[in-house]
Amino acid sequence: MKRVIAVIRPEKLEDVKSALEEKGYFAMTVHEVKGRGAQKGICLQYRGKQIKVDMIPKTEIEMVVGDEDVRPIIDLIRKNARTGKFGDGKIFVSPVEIVAGIRTDEEIVS
């Protein structure tokens, strides 16, 4: 099993979520986060003054899926989160050793 974490633009969440649901991927956790990368922040105008904002609001989608689902999920996220501009985000994949259910005491060991 793998843990897929996608950090995307907040305005692309509904597009990504809909595309994942359409292909049968319903289980996810969504977090509102802030971060920066190559974009290095943005400049905004506020009351006539320019303000540098270096931590940009992002949305993080977290999913734990089977190994065979990783590539299709990455492709779906890329297709639906891309704007072609700096700040579109990143996708991280890492192994999951154990998934333990709380209510059922079920355990899945990979």
C-alpha atoms as a PDB file:
ATOM      1  CA  MET A   1       0.000   0.000   0.000  1.00  0.00           C
ATOM      2  CA  LYS A   2       1.052   3.576  -0.617  1.00  0.00           C
ATOM      3  CA  ARG A   3       0.250   6.994   0.833  1.00  0.00           C
ATOM      4  CA  VAL A   4      -0.302   9.631  -1.844  1.00  0.00           C
ATOM      5  CA  ILE A   5      -0.121  13.273  -0.778  1.00  0.00           C
ATOM      6  CA  ALA A   6      -0.945  15.952  -3.334  1.00  0.00           C
ATOM      7  CA  VAL A   7      -0.404  19.638  -2.575  1.00  0.00           C
ATOM      8  CA  ILE A   8      -2.483  21.659  -5.046  1.00  0.00           C
ATOM      9  CA  ARG A   9      -4.079  25.062  -5.588  1.00  0.00           C
ATOM     10  CA  PRO A  10      -7.243  25.420  -3.446  1.00  0.00           C
ATOM     11  CA  GLU A  11      -9.353  26.398  -6.464  1.00  0.00           C
ATOM     12  CA  LYS A  12      -8.532  23.054  -8.145  1.00  0.00           C
ATOM     13  CA  LEU A  13      -9.801  20.875  -5.261  1.00  0.00           C
ATOM     14  CA  GLU A  14     -13.294  20.326  -6.667  1.00  0.00           C
ATOM     15  CA  ASP A  15     -11.921  19.405 -10.104  1.00  0.00           C
ATOM     16  CA  VAL A  16      -9.503  16.871  -8.613  1.00  0.00           C
ATOM     17  CA  LYS A  17     -12.033  15.481  -6.145  1.00  0.00           C
ATOM     18  CA  SER A  18     -14.671  15.008  -8.865  1.00  0.00           C
ATOM     19  CA  ALA A  19     -12.195  13.264 -11.181  1.00  0.00           C
ATOM     20  CA  LEU A  20     -11.079  10.902  -8.404  1.00  0.00           C
ATOM     21  CA  GLU A  21     -14.675  10.102  -7.415  1.00  0.00           C
ATOM     22  CA  GLU A  22     -15.611   9.474 -11.049  1.00  0.00           C
ATOM     23  CA  LYS A  23     -12.951   6.720 -11.175  1.00  0.00           C
ATOM     24  CA  GLY A  24     -14.040   5.216  -7.848  1.00  0.00           C
ATOM     25  CA  TYR A  25     -11.506   6.789  -5.484  1.00  0.00           C
ATOM     26  CA  PHE A  26     -13.649   8.195  -2.674  1.00  0.00           C
ATOM     27  CA  ALA A  27     -11.502   7.931   0.485  1.00  0.00           C
ATOM     28  CA  MET A  28      -9.353  10.990   1.106  1.00  0.00           C
ATOM     29  CA  THR A  29      -8.404  13.478   3.783  1.00  0.00           C
ATOM     30  CA  VAL A  30      -8.167  17.146   2.837  1.00  0.00           C
ATOM     31  CA  HIS A  31      -6.165  19.786   4.732  1.00  0.00           C
ATOM     32  CA  GLU A  32      -5.820  23.525   4.238  1.00  0.00           C
ATOM     33  CA  VAL A  33      -2.084  24.263   4.387  1.00  0.00           C
ATOM     34  CA  LYS A  34       0.367  27.029   3.543  1.00  0.00           C
ATOM     35  CA  GLY A  35       3.659  26.649   1.755  1.00  0.00           C
ATOM     36  CA  ARG A  36       6.037  27.859  -0.873  1.00  0.00           C
ATOM     37  CA  GLY A  37       8.373  26.484  -3.477  1.00  0.00           C
ATOM     38  CA  ALA A  38       9.778  27.822  -6.732  1.00  0.00           C
ATOM     39  CA  GLN A  39       6.963  30.376  -6.690  1.00  0.00           C
ATOM     40  CA  LYS A  40       8.688  32.130  -3.723  1.00  0.00           C
ATOM     41  CA  GLY A  41       5.509  33.947  -2.749  1.00  0.00           C
ATOM     42  CA  ILE A  42       3.450  36.652  -4.395  1.00  0.00           C
ATOM     43  CA  CYS A  43       3.035  40.423  -4.118  1.00  0.00           C
ATOM     44  CA  LEU A  44      -0.406  41.840  -3.347  1.00  0.00           C
ATOM     45  CA  GLN A  45      -1.734  45.384  -3.266  1.00  0.00           C
ATOM     46  CA  TYR A  46      -3.395  46.392   0.014  1.00  0.00           C
ATOM     47  CA  ARG A  47      -4.526  49.977   0.658  1.00  0.00           C
ATOM     48  CA  GLY A  48      -2.132  51.291  -1.947  1.00  0.00           C
ATOM     49  CA  LYS A  49       0.906  49.443  -0.588  1.00  0.00           C
ATOM     50  CA  GLN A  50       2.580  46.385  -1.983  1.00  0.00           C
ATOM     51  CA  ILE A  51       2.746  43.455   0.459  1.00  0.00           C
ATOM     52  CA  LYS A  52       4.865  40.337  -0.057  1.00  0.00           C
ATOM     53  CA  VAL A  53       3.092  37.112   0.892  1.00  0.00           C
ATOM     54  CA  ASP A  54       5.622  34.293   0.968  1.00  0.00           C
ATOM     55  CA  MET A  55       3.457  31.491   2.394  1.00  0.00           C
ATOM     56  CA  ILE A  56       0.787  30.698  -0.174  1.00  0.00           C
ATOM     57  CA  PRO A  57      -2.486  28.940   0.782  1.00  0.00           C
ATOM     58  CA  LYS A  58      -2.599  25.402  -0.652  1.00  0.00           C
ATOM     59  CA  THR A  59      -4.788  22.337  -0.298  1.00  0.00           C
ATOM     60  CA  GLU A  60      -3.341  18.964   0.651  1.00  0.00           C
ATOM     61  CA  ILE A  61      -5.124  15.764  -0.382  1.00  0.00           C
ATOM     62  CA  GLU A  62      -4.021  12.598   1.391  1.00  0.00           C
ATOM     63  CA  MET A  63      -4.979   9.080   0.280  1.00  0.00           C
ATOM     64  CA  VAL A  64      -3.862   5.549   1.175  1.00  0.00           C
ATOM     65  CA  VAL A  65      -4.277   3.250  -1.809  1.00  0.00           C
ATOM     66  CA  GLY A  66      -3.128  -0.041  -3.253  1.00  0.00           C
ATOM     67  CA  ASP A  67       0.147  -0.096  -5.182  1.00  0.00           C
ATOM     68  CA  GLU A  68      -1.695  -0.646  -8.472  1.00  0.00           C
ATOM     69  CA  ASP A  69      -3.759   2.543  -7.989  1.00  0.00           C
ATOM     70  CA  VAL A  70      -0.828   4.951  -7.528  1.00  0.00           C
ATOM     71  CA  ARG A  71      -0.096   5.671 -11.202  1.00  0.00           C
ATOM     72  CA  PRO A  72      -3.763   6.249 -12.222  1.00  0.00           C
ATOM     73  CA  ILE A  73      -4.245   8.565  -9.226  1.00  0.00           C
ATOM     74  CA  ILE A  74      -1.109  10.566 -10.041  1.00  0.00           C
ATOM     75  CA  ASP A  75      -2.281  10.936 -13.653  1.00  0.00           C
ATOM     76  CA  LEU A  76      -5.775  12.062 -12.574  1.00  0.00           C
ATOM     77  CA  ILE A  77      -4.416  14.622 -10.132  1.00  0.00           C
ATOM     78  CA  ARG A  78      -1.942  16.019 -12.673  1.00  0.00           C
ATOM     79  CA  LYS A  79      -4.586  16.317 -15.375  1.00  0.00           C
ATOM     80  CA  ASN A  80      -7.124  18.067 -13.151  1.00  0.00           C
ATOM     81  CA  ALA A  81      -4.852  20.268 -10.991  1.00  0.00           C
ATOM     82  CA  ARG A  82      -2.600  21.662 -13.735  1.00  0.00           C
ATOM     83  CA  THR A  83      -2.812  25.316 -14.733  1.00  0.00           C
ATOM     84  CA  GLY A  84       0.634  25.476 -16.312  1.00  0.00           C
ATOM     85  CA  LYS A  85       1.833  28.184 -13.921  1.00  0.00           C
ATOM     86  CA  PHE A  86       4.237  28.175 -10.975  1.00  0.00           C
ATOM     87  CA  GLY A  87       2.523  26.924  -7.836  1.00  0.00           C
ATOM     88  CA  ASP A  88       0.477  24.086  -9.360  1.00  0.00           C
ATOM     89  CA  GLY A  89       1.815  21.783  -6.638  1.00  0.00           C
ATOM     90  CA  LYS A  90       3.542  18.478  -6.011  1.00  0.00           C
ATOM     91  CA  ILE A  91       2.598  14.840  -5.440  1.00  0.00           C
ATOM     92  CA  PHE A  92       4.444  12.699  -2.896  1.00  0.00           C
ATOM     93  CA  VAL A  93       4.213   8.898  -2.626  1.00  0.00           C
ATOM     94  CA  SER A  94       5.485   6.870   0.329  1.00  0.00           C
ATOM     95  CA  PRO A  95       5.026   3.281   1.551  1.00  0.00           C
ATOM     96  CA  VAL A  96       2.461   2.348   4.212  1.00  0.00           C
ATOM     97  CA  GLU A  97       3.337  -0.583   6.469  1.00  0.00           C
ATOM     98  CA  ILE A  98       0.117  -1.068   8.474  1.00  0.00           C
ATOM     99  CA  VAL A  99      -3.445   0.193   8.219  1.00  0.00           C
ATOM    100  CA  ALA A 100      -5.319  -0.392  11.493  1.00  0.00           C
ATOM    101  CA  GLY A 101      -9.073   0.122  11.821  1.00  0.00           C
ATOM    102  CA  ILE A 102     -10.240   1.670  15.084  1.00  0.00           C
ATOM    103  CA  ARG A 103     -13.877   0.530  15.168  1.00  0.00           C
ATOM    104  CA  THR A 104     -13.332  -2.976  13.744  1.00  0.00           C
ATOM    105  CA  ASP A 105      -9.795  -3.813  14.958  1.00  0.00           C
ATOM    106  CA  GLU A 106      -9.079  -4.812  11.337  1.00  0.00           C
ATOM    107  CA  GLU A 107      -5.399  -4.640  10.351  1.00  0.00           C
ATOM    108  CA  ILE A 108      -3.896  -4.677   6.906  1.00  0.00           C
ATOM    109  CA  VAL A 109      -0.158  -5.300   6.788  1.00  0.00           C
ATOM    110  CA  SER A 110       1.610  -4.683   3.505  1.00  0.00           C
END
